[in-house]
Amino acid sequence: MAVDLLLGLQWGDEGKGKIVDVLTRNYDIIARFQGGPNAGHTLEFDGIKHVLHTIPSGIFHENAINIVGNGVVIDPVIFKKEIDNLDKFNIDIPSRMFISRKAHLILPTHRLLDAASEAAKGKAKIGSTLKGIGPTYMDKTGRNGIRVGDLELDDWKEKYRALADKHEAMIRFYDVDIQYNLKELEVEFFAAIETLKSLKFIDSEEYLQQALKSEKTILAEGAQGSLLDIDFGTYPYVTSSNTTAAGACTGLGVAPGKIGEVLGIFKAYTTRVGSGPFPTELFDEVGETMGRVGNEFGATTGRKRRCGWLDLVALRYAVQVNGVTQLMMMKADVLSGFESLKVCTAYNYRGETIEHLPFNIEEQNISPIYTEMKGWDKDLTNITSESDFPEELTAYIDFIEKELEVPVKIVSVGPDRKQTIMR
């Protein structure tokens, strides 16, 4: 048995939550392997929209065990709110979701430190969601962090106090105007810790190894997107974890040889939230229409997403880095109504035509080279079969498959789980 892996191939927000929800019926275990509550996975079914931040997207299925892996950083306060929001759906969360003892905790002072650091950058800010993700990963790699398993130890509050005091000293060093009342924040934090402690803590790497031996089917769920990877993304405008396939191995304790299918998700166009280079970004009415029709606002922050044409140079890079075996195209319905579509197939990089992602993709170095294709008018949202696709959409998909040399197995034509076409 092998672990299948599902991840985003762009700058996040590709629609991973929906696809995990659609595919969960095929898996016994859904395991989140990296990131924190800056991720917002949106699922829609039975007329209800659900937004998850840390909880794996298989939580709505009775057949699936959901694991929050060691590579994830957990904010107990946000985690508790997620659990509370699910109360009305009568989900037996303690029996469906387990937490890795090696996952790190986001403290209230991590969030404050995040805000102080971003404020100190001024115009050079990277667009942090201010959820404390970066500072928590910094403490993890600096060997100062507090892990879920520490909550089972008698001295964990002493560890907390020492780290929080260190954070406050760092906040003072930044010398920015950050107003806060830590005692108030701690009341909410410690209450949320008690909710977290009501769940089952596991040695997740051992749990998954035994599951594989028992021939359980496992889907590893990533957050954010490949172009936000700390190593391979558009640094420094990236997240603080490895969002690519390698992150599933380190974030769950799964050996590389145990990875099976790698399912790469991308939008039929491109979006980005926050700062950073975006070669195909549109600043005209077309970009505005994409954003409006696609409801391009962050599920976690509500921030407006920047929109642009599909970038196959960046997508090809993500496919290669991750070893993608199947593609899933989201939001095809958003492109309905455009007379023509453009797809970036190469870059003009300082006067040279290149088809790979270079070290620097700032606009002063590159400009996109486009292939123009005919658009379609047909409303796709009620389509239930590939045979009903307009020929222009089929040509669009065929072009992508030829360029990337990977098959597109799923096409999403709306937010509901029913609006998913298998090919």
Protein backbone atom coordinates (compact mmCIF):
# COMPACT_ATOMS: atom_id res chain seq x y z
CA MET A 1 0.00 0.00 0.00
CA ALA A 2 1.08 3.59 -0.60
CA VAL A 3 0.10 7.07 0.55
CA ASP A 4 -1.54 9.20 -2.11
CA LEU A 5 -0.74 12.87 -1.93
CA LEU A 6 -2.91 15.85 -2.79
CA LEU A 7 -1.46 19.34 -3.02
CA GLY A 8 -1.82 22.74 -4.66
CA LEU A 9 0.31 23.71 -7.65
CA GLN A 10 -0.06 27.49 -7.60
CA TRP A 11 -0.04 30.14 -4.85
CA GLY A 12 -2.67 28.35 -2.81
CA ASP A 13 -6.46 28.73 -2.89
CA GLU A 14 -6.74 26.13 -5.66
CA GLY A 15 -9.70 24.28 -4.14
CA LYS A 16 -7.94 21.43 -2.35
CA GLY A 17 -10.58 21.13 0.37
CA LYS A 18 -13.34 20.39 -2.12
CA ILE A 19 -11.34 17.67 -3.85
CA VAL A 20 -10.32 16.03 -0.57
CA ASP A 21 -13.99 15.98 0.37
CA VAL A 22 -14.91 14.45 -2.99
CA LEU A 23 -12.18 11.80 -2.78
CA THR A 24 -12.50 10.91 0.91
CA ARG A 25 -14.97 8.11 0.20
CA ASN A 26 -12.00 6.27 -1.37
CA TYR A 27 -9.74 6.57 1.67
CA ASP A 28 -9.65 5.32 5.25
CA ILE A 29 -7.37 8.09 6.54
CA ILE A 30 -6.96 11.77 5.61
CA ALA A 31 -3.73 13.25 7.00
CA ARG A 32 -2.82 16.94 6.95
CA PHE A 33 0.96 17.29 6.67
CA GLN A 34 1.98 20.96 6.95
CA GLY A 35 0.94 24.56 7.44
CA GLY A 36 -1.20 26.28 10.01
CA PRO A 37 -4.53 28.10 10.32
CA ASN A 38 -3.54 30.53 7.57
CA ALA A 39 -4.93 27.82 5.30
CA GLY A 40 -8.64 27.98 4.53
CA HIS A 41 -10.14 24.94 2.87
CA THR A 42 -13.67 25.61 1.64
CA LEU A 43 -16.14 22.76 1.17
CA GLU A 44 -19.70 23.16 -0.08
CA PHE A 45 -22.47 20.56 -0.08
CA ASP A 46 -26.16 20.32 0.80
CA GLY A 47 -26.39 24.08 0.34
CA ILE A 48 -23.93 24.78 3.18
CA LYS A 49 -20.44 26.26 2.89
CA HIS A 50 -17.85 25.05 5.38
CA VAL A 51 -14.43 26.63 5.94
CA LEU A 52 -11.75 24.55 7.67
CA HIS A 53 -8.37 25.89 8.76
CA THR A 54 -6.57 23.08 10.57
CA ILE A 55 -9.05 20.21 10.64
CA PRO A 56 -8.52 17.85 7.67
CA SER A 57 -11.16 18.04 4.96
CA GLY A 58 -12.34 14.47 5.46
CA ILE A 59 -14.01 15.28 8.78
CA PHE A 60 -17.53 15.17 7.30
CA HIS A 61 -17.22 11.50 6.31
CA GLU A 62 -17.98 8.81 8.87
CA ASN A 63 -15.66 6.33 7.18
CA ALA A 64 -12.50 8.43 7.52
CA ILE A 65 -10.01 8.98 10.34
CA ASN A 66 -8.50 12.48 10.15
CA ILE A 67 -4.97 13.10 11.38
CA VAL A 68 -3.27 16.43 12.05
CA GLY A 69 0.35 15.52 11.35
CA ASN A 70 3.60 16.54 12.97
CA GLY A 71 4.36 19.08 10.22
CA VAL A 72 1.33 21.18 11.14
CA VAL A 73 1.38 24.11 13.57
CA ILE A 74 -1.80 24.38 15.65
CA ASP A 75 -3.40 27.47 17.14
CA PRO A 76 -5.57 26.00 19.94
CA VAL A 77 -7.89 29.03 19.92
CA ILE A 78 -8.68 28.78 16.20
CA PHE A 79 -8.81 25.00 16.47
CA LYS A 80 -11.43 25.21 19.24
CA LYS A 81 -13.54 27.61 17.15
CA GLU A 82 -13.42 25.16 14.25
CA ILE A 83 -14.60 22.35 16.50
CA ASP A 84 -17.34 24.54 17.98
CA ASN A 85 -18.55 25.44 14.47
CA LEU A 86 -18.98 21.74 13.71
CA ASP A 87 -21.08 21.05 16.81
CA LYS A 88 -24.36 21.60 14.99
CA PHE A 89 -23.54 18.86 12.49
CA ASN A 90 -23.35 16.16 15.20
CA ILE A 91 -19.91 14.98 14.14
CA ASP A 92 -18.20 12.69 16.64
CA ILE A 93 -14.89 14.54 16.39
CA PRO A 94 -12.99 12.63 19.12
CA SER A 95 -13.54 9.37 17.23
CA ARG A 96 -12.71 10.85 13.81
CA MET A 97 -9.69 13.10 14.46
CA PHE A 98 -6.32 12.42 16.10
CA ILE A 99 -3.45 14.84 16.72
CA SER A 100 0.26 14.16 16.33
CA ARG A 101 2.21 14.66 19.55
CA LYS A 102 5.00 16.19 17.46
CA ALA A 103 2.85 19.01 16.00
CA HIS A 104 3.88 22.43 17.31
CA LEU A 105 1.61 24.89 19.13
CA ILE A 106 1.04 28.50 18.16
CA LEU A 107 1.10 30.65 21.29
CA PRO A 108 -0.64 34.03 21.67
CA THR A 109 2.80 35.65 21.68
CA HIS A 110 3.61 34.04 18.33
CA ARG A 111 0.76 36.03 16.80
CA LEU A 112 1.93 39.22 18.50
CA LEU A 113 5.48 38.61 17.33
CA ASP A 114 4.19 38.08 13.79
CA ALA A 115 2.41 41.45 13.89
CA ALA A 116 5.45 43.23 15.31
CA SER A 117 7.78 41.73 12.72
CA GLU A 118 5.48 42.63 9.81
CA ALA A 119 4.95 46.18 11.11
CA ALA A 120 8.70 46.68 11.41
CA LYS A 121 9.17 45.79 7.72
CA GLY A 122 7.10 48.78 6.58
CA LYS A 123 6.74 48.82 2.80
CA ALA A 124 8.86 45.66 2.55
CA LYS A 125 6.22 43.55 4.31
CA ILE A 126 5.64 40.09 2.84
CA GLY A 127 1.87 39.95 3.34
CA SER A 128 1.76 37.70 6.40
CA THR A 129 -1.69 36.58 7.55
CA LEU A 130 -0.51 37.48 11.09
CA LYS A 131 -1.57 34.09 12.43
CA GLY A 132 1.78 33.45 14.10
CA ILE A 133 2.76 30.77 11.60
CA GLY A 134 6.25 32.07 10.75
CA PRO A 135 7.36 32.69 14.36
CA THR A 136 6.12 29.23 15.34
CA TYR A 137 8.15 27.54 12.61
CA MET A 138 11.11 29.70 13.63
CA ASP A 139 10.83 28.34 17.17
CA LYS A 140 10.50 24.84 15.75
CA THR A 141 13.74 25.08 13.77
CA GLY A 142 15.36 27.03 16.62
CA ARG A 143 14.49 24.13 18.95
CA ASN A 144 12.48 26.33 21.28
CA GLY A 145 8.96 25.25 20.36
CA ILE A 146 6.21 23.68 22.42
CA ARG A 147 4.68 20.55 20.96
CA VAL A 148 1.31 18.89 21.51
CA GLY A 149 2.99 16.06 23.40
CA ASP A 150 4.36 18.57 25.89
CA LEU A 151 0.79 19.07 27.13
CA GLU A 152 1.02 15.60 28.66
CA LEU A 153 3.99 16.68 30.81
CA ASP A 154 3.73 18.28 34.24
CA ASP A 155 6.06 21.18 33.44
CA TRP A 156 4.52 22.33 30.17
CA LYS A 157 3.26 25.63 31.63
CA GLU A 158 6.77 26.43 32.79
CA LYS A 159 7.97 25.90 29.23
CA TYR A 160 5.15 28.12 28.03
CA ARG A 161 6.03 30.93 30.44
CA ALA A 162 9.71 30.88 29.49
CA LEU A 163 8.92 31.05 25.76
CA ALA A 164 6.24 33.72 26.13
CA ASP A 165 8.63 35.90 28.17
CA LYS A 166 11.24 35.52 25.44
CA HIS A 167 8.69 36.56 22.82
CA GLU A 168 7.74 39.69 24.75
CA ALA A 169 11.39 40.71 24.90
CA MET A 170 11.60 40.25 21.12
CA ILE A 171 8.46 42.34 20.61
CA ARG A 172 10.03 45.18 22.59
CA PHE A 173 13.13 44.89 20.41
CA TYR A 174 11.08 45.61 17.27
CA ASP A 175 10.08 48.95 18.81
CA VAL A 176 6.71 49.19 17.06
CA ASP A 177 3.33 50.18 18.44
CA ILE A 178 1.70 46.81 19.18
CA GLN A 179 -1.07 47.12 21.75
CA TYR A 180 -2.08 43.93 23.55
CA ASN A 181 -3.22 42.42 26.83
CA LEU A 182 -1.46 39.08 27.15
CA LYS A 183 -3.37 38.02 30.26
CA GLU A 184 -6.66 38.32 28.38
CA LEU A 185 -5.24 36.38 25.43
CA GLU A 186 -3.99 33.68 27.78
CA VAL A 187 -7.43 33.10 29.30
CA GLU A 188 -8.77 32.16 25.87
CA PHE A 189 -5.61 30.21 25.04
CA PHE A 190 -5.62 28.01 28.14
CA ALA A 191 -9.35 27.32 27.75
CA ALA A 192 -8.68 26.19 24.18
CA ILE A 193 -5.84 23.98 25.40
CA GLU A 194 -8.36 22.03 27.47
CA THR A 195 -10.43 21.41 24.32
CA LEU A 196 -7.32 20.23 22.51
CA LYS A 197 -6.50 17.87 25.39
CA SER A 198 -9.93 16.26 25.03
CA LEU A 199 -8.78 14.79 21.71
CA LYS A 200 -6.57 11.77 21.22
CA PHE A 201 -2.84 12.48 20.87
CA ILE A 202 -0.93 9.89 18.86
CA ASP A 203 2.54 9.10 17.61
CA SER A 204 1.28 9.72 14.09
CA GLU A 205 4.26 8.33 12.22
CA GLU A 206 3.80 4.96 13.97
CA TYR A 207 0.04 5.10 13.48
CA LEU A 208 0.46 5.61 9.75
CA GLN A 209 3.09 2.87 9.44
CA GLN A 210 0.74 0.40 11.10
CA ALA A 211 -2.12 1.61 8.91
CA LEU A 212 -0.06 0.89 5.80
CA LYS A 213 0.75 -2.58 7.08
CA SER A 214 -2.97 -3.12 7.62
CA GLU A 215 -3.58 -2.04 4.00
CA LYS A 216 -5.48 1.10 4.94
CA THR A 217 -5.83 3.70 2.20
CA ILE A 218 -4.30 7.07 3.09
CA LEU A 219 -4.56 10.50 1.48
CA ALA A 220 -2.08 13.17 2.57
CA GLU A 221 -3.62 16.65 2.39
CA GLY A 222 -1.45 19.70 1.80
CA ALA A 223 -2.19 23.36 2.50
CA GLN A 224 -1.25 26.55 0.61
CA GLY A 225 0.44 25.86 -2.75
CA SER A 226 3.73 24.79 -4.30
CA LEU A 227 4.74 28.34 -5.25
CA LEU A 228 4.55 29.22 -1.55
CA ASP A 229 7.02 26.50 -0.53
CA ILE A 230 9.75 27.83 1.77
CA ASP A 231 12.46 26.36 -0.50
CA PHE A 232 10.90 26.29 -3.97
CA GLY A 233 8.38 29.11 -3.83
CA THR A 234 8.74 32.78 -4.76
CA TYR A 235 10.89 33.56 -1.74
CA PRO A 236 10.58 35.60 0.48
CA TYR A 237 6.88 35.90 -0.40
CA VAL A 238 6.20 32.36 0.76
CA THR A 239 4.82 30.45 3.72
CA SER A 240 7.06 28.92 6.39
CA SER A 241 6.70 25.22 5.58
CA ASN A 242 7.38 22.79 2.75
CA THR A 243 4.17 22.74 0.74
CA THR A 244 5.59 20.44 -1.94
CA ALA A 245 5.54 16.63 -2.04
CA ALA A 246 8.67 16.32 0.09
CA GLY A 247 6.78 18.05 2.89
CA ALA A 248 4.41 15.09 3.11
CA CYS A 249 7.31 12.81 3.97
CA THR A 250 8.71 15.06 6.70
CA GLY A 251 5.27 16.24 7.85
CA LEU A 252 3.89 12.74 8.39
CA GLY A 253 6.91 10.49 8.76
CA VAL A 254 6.18 8.65 5.51
CA ALA A 255 9.12 7.33 3.50
CA PRO A 256 9.51 8.65 -0.08
CA GLY A 257 9.09 5.12 -1.46
CA LYS A 258 5.65 4.94 0.16
CA ILE A 259 4.20 7.83 -1.87
CA GLY A 260 1.79 6.61 -4.55
CA GLU A 261 -0.28 8.95 -6.71
CA VAL A 262 0.54 12.65 -6.53
CA LEU A 263 -2.63 14.63 -7.25
CA GLY A 264 -1.91 18.21 -8.29
CA ILE A 265 -4.69 20.80 -8.13
CA PHE A 266 -4.72 24.04 -10.12
CA LYS A 267 -7.21 26.69 -11.15
CA ALA A 268 -8.10 27.20 -14.81
CA TYR A 269 -6.52 30.63 -14.29
CA THR A 270 -4.12 31.95 -11.64
CA THR A 271 -4.60 33.83 -8.37
CA ARG A 272 -2.39 35.12 -5.62
CA VAL A 273 -3.04 36.67 -2.20
CA GLY A 274 -0.70 39.18 -0.61
CA SER A 275 2.61 40.50 -1.88
CA GLY A 276 5.02 38.95 -4.34
CA PRO A 277 5.66 38.63 -8.08
CA PHE A 278 2.84 37.44 -10.35
CA PRO A 279 3.84 37.45 -14.05
CA THR A 280 0.36 36.91 -15.56
CA GLU A 281 -1.56 39.24 -13.24
CA LEU A 282 -4.32 41.25 -14.88
CA PHE A 283 -5.17 44.80 -13.87
CA ASP A 284 -8.03 45.27 -16.33
CA GLU A 285 -11.70 44.38 -16.56
CA VAL A 286 -10.86 40.75 -17.36
CA GLY A 287 -9.03 40.36 -14.07
CA GLU A 288 -11.85 42.08 -12.20
CA THR A 289 -14.38 39.73 -13.81
CA MET A 290 -12.37 36.66 -12.83
CA GLY A 291 -12.26 37.86 -9.25
CA ARG A 292 -15.96 38.69 -9.10
CA VAL A 293 -17.24 35.54 -10.81
CA GLY A 294 -14.76 33.32 -9.00
CA ASN A 295 -15.53 34.92 -5.62
CA GLU A 296 -11.82 35.38 -5.15
CA PHE A 297 -11.58 36.34 -1.51
CA GLY A 298 -9.48 34.47 1.05
CA ALA A 299 -11.40 31.88 3.07
CA THR A 300 -9.31 32.72 6.15
CA THR A 301 -8.56 36.43 5.82
CA GLY A 302 -11.21 37.70 3.40
CA ARG A 303 -8.44 39.40 1.44
CA LYS A 304 -9.09 40.03 -2.25
CA ARG A 305 -7.09 37.73 -4.49
CA ARG A 306 -5.11 39.03 -7.44
CA CYS A 307 -6.17 37.31 -10.69
CA GLY A 308 -4.45 36.51 -13.97
CA TRP A 309 -4.17 34.13 -16.89
CA LEU A 310 -3.03 30.54 -16.44
CA ASP A 311 0.77 30.38 -16.12
CA LEU A 312 2.00 27.09 -17.56
CA VAL A 313 5.66 27.93 -16.90
CA ALA A 314 5.00 28.08 -13.16
CA LEU A 315 2.63 25.12 -13.37
CA ARG A 316 5.17 23.00 -15.24
CA TYR A 317 7.72 23.80 -12.54
CA ALA A 318 5.31 22.69 -9.80
CA VAL A 319 4.49 19.48 -11.66
CA GLN A 320 8.19 18.65 -11.94
CA VAL A 321 9.11 19.47 -8.35
CA ASN A 322 6.23 17.41 -6.98
CA GLY A 323 6.30 14.50 -9.42
CA VAL A 324 2.61 15.01 -10.18
CA THR A 325 0.88 11.98 -11.69
CA GLN A 326 -2.68 13.37 -12.04
CA LEU A 327 -4.02 16.89 -12.52
CA MET A 328 -7.28 18.38 -11.31
CA MET A 329 -8.50 21.63 -12.82
CA MET A 330 -10.70 23.83 -10.68
CA LYS A 331 -13.06 26.71 -11.50
CA ALA A 332 -13.41 26.02 -15.21
CA ASP A 333 -16.84 27.63 -14.91
CA VAL A 334 -15.30 31.01 -14.06
CA LEU A 335 -13.82 31.29 -17.57
CA SER A 336 -17.21 30.96 -19.28
CA GLY A 337 -18.12 34.08 -21.24
CA PHE A 338 -14.65 35.23 -22.24
CA GLU A 339 -14.34 35.61 -26.01
CA SER A 340 -10.70 34.57 -25.93
CA LEU A 341 -8.35 33.12 -23.34
CA LYS A 342 -4.61 33.49 -22.94
CA VAL A 343 -2.19 30.91 -21.56
CA CYS A 344 1.40 31.77 -20.65
CA THR A 345 3.66 29.13 -22.21
CA ALA A 346 7.06 30.83 -21.85
CA TYR A 347 8.79 33.90 -20.40
CA ASN A 348 10.86 36.58 -22.03
CA TYR A 349 13.67 36.62 -19.48
CA ARG A 350 16.04 39.53 -20.08
CA GLY A 351 15.63 39.14 -23.84
CA GLU A 352 15.82 35.34 -23.86
CA THR A 353 12.84 33.02 -24.29
CA ILE A 354 12.74 30.44 -21.50
CA GLU A 355 10.21 27.78 -20.50
CA HIS A 356 11.35 27.21 -16.91
CA LEU A 357 10.86 29.20 -13.71
CA PRO A 358 14.01 31.24 -13.08
CA PHE A 359 15.42 32.35 -9.72
CA ASN A 360 13.74 35.74 -9.96
CA ILE A 361 10.39 36.40 -11.61
CA GLU A 362 10.01 40.05 -10.70
CA GLU A 363 8.46 42.06 -13.53
CA GLN A 364 11.67 43.95 -14.29
CA ASN A 365 13.24 40.62 -15.30
CA ILE A 366 10.49 38.78 -17.15
CA SER A 367 7.36 39.22 -19.22
CA PRO A 368 4.93 36.42 -20.14
CA ILE A 369 4.66 35.02 -23.65
CA TYR A 370 1.08 34.00 -24.39
CA THR A 371 -0.75 31.55 -26.59
CA GLU A 372 -4.27 32.78 -27.34
CA MET A 373 -7.20 30.37 -27.47
CA LYS A 374 -10.89 30.66 -28.24
CA GLY A 375 -13.17 30.98 -25.22
CA TRP A 376 -16.65 29.55 -24.62
CA ASP A 377 -20.03 31.02 -23.66
CA LYS A 378 -21.70 27.93 -22.26
CA ASP A 379 -22.63 27.89 -18.57
CA LEU A 380 -20.79 24.89 -17.11
CA THR A 381 -22.33 24.80 -13.65
CA ASN A 382 -25.08 22.31 -14.51
CA ILE A 383 -22.90 20.00 -16.59
CA THR A 384 -22.71 16.44 -15.29
CA SER A 385 -20.62 14.75 -17.98
CA GLU A 386 -17.47 15.47 -19.97
CA SER A 387 -19.47 14.81 -23.13
CA ASP A 388 -21.33 18.06 -22.44
CA PHE A 389 -18.17 20.19 -22.44
CA PRO A 390 -18.03 22.89 -25.10
CA GLU A 391 -15.36 22.00 -27.65
CA GLU A 392 -13.34 25.07 -26.66
CA LEU A 393 -13.05 23.80 -23.07
CA THR A 394 -11.97 20.39 -24.33
CA ALA A 395 -9.33 22.10 -26.49
CA TYR A 396 -8.17 24.13 -23.46
CA ILE A 397 -7.75 20.96 -21.38
CA ASP A 398 -6.03 19.10 -24.22
CA PHE A 399 -3.56 21.96 -24.62
CA ILE A 400 -2.72 21.90 -20.90
CA GLU A 401 -2.24 18.12 -20.91
CA LYS A 402 0.07 18.32 -23.93
CA GLU A 403 2.17 21.09 -22.37
CA LEU A 404 2.47 19.45 -18.94
CA GLU A 405 2.51 15.80 -20.10
CA VAL A 406 0.18 14.83 -17.25
CA PRO A 407 -3.52 13.88 -17.60
CA VAL A 408 -6.29 16.10 -16.22
CA LYS A 409 -8.48 13.61 -14.35
CA ILE A 410 -10.97 15.97 -12.67
CA VAL A 411 -12.60 19.20 -13.85
CA SER A 412 -14.54 21.26 -11.31
CA VAL A 413 -17.44 23.34 -12.68
CA GLY A 414 -18.72 24.85 -9.43
CA PRO A 415 -18.15 24.92 -5.66
CA ASP A 416 -20.53 22.08 -4.72
CA ARG A 417 -19.12 18.56 -4.42
CA LYS A 418 -21.67 17.48 -7.06
CA GLN A 419 -20.15 19.90 -9.59
CA THR A 420 -17.15 17.67 -10.16
CA ILE A 421 -16.55 15.91 -13.49
CA MET A 422 -14.37 12.79 -13.54
CA ARG A 423 -12.51 12.15 -16.80
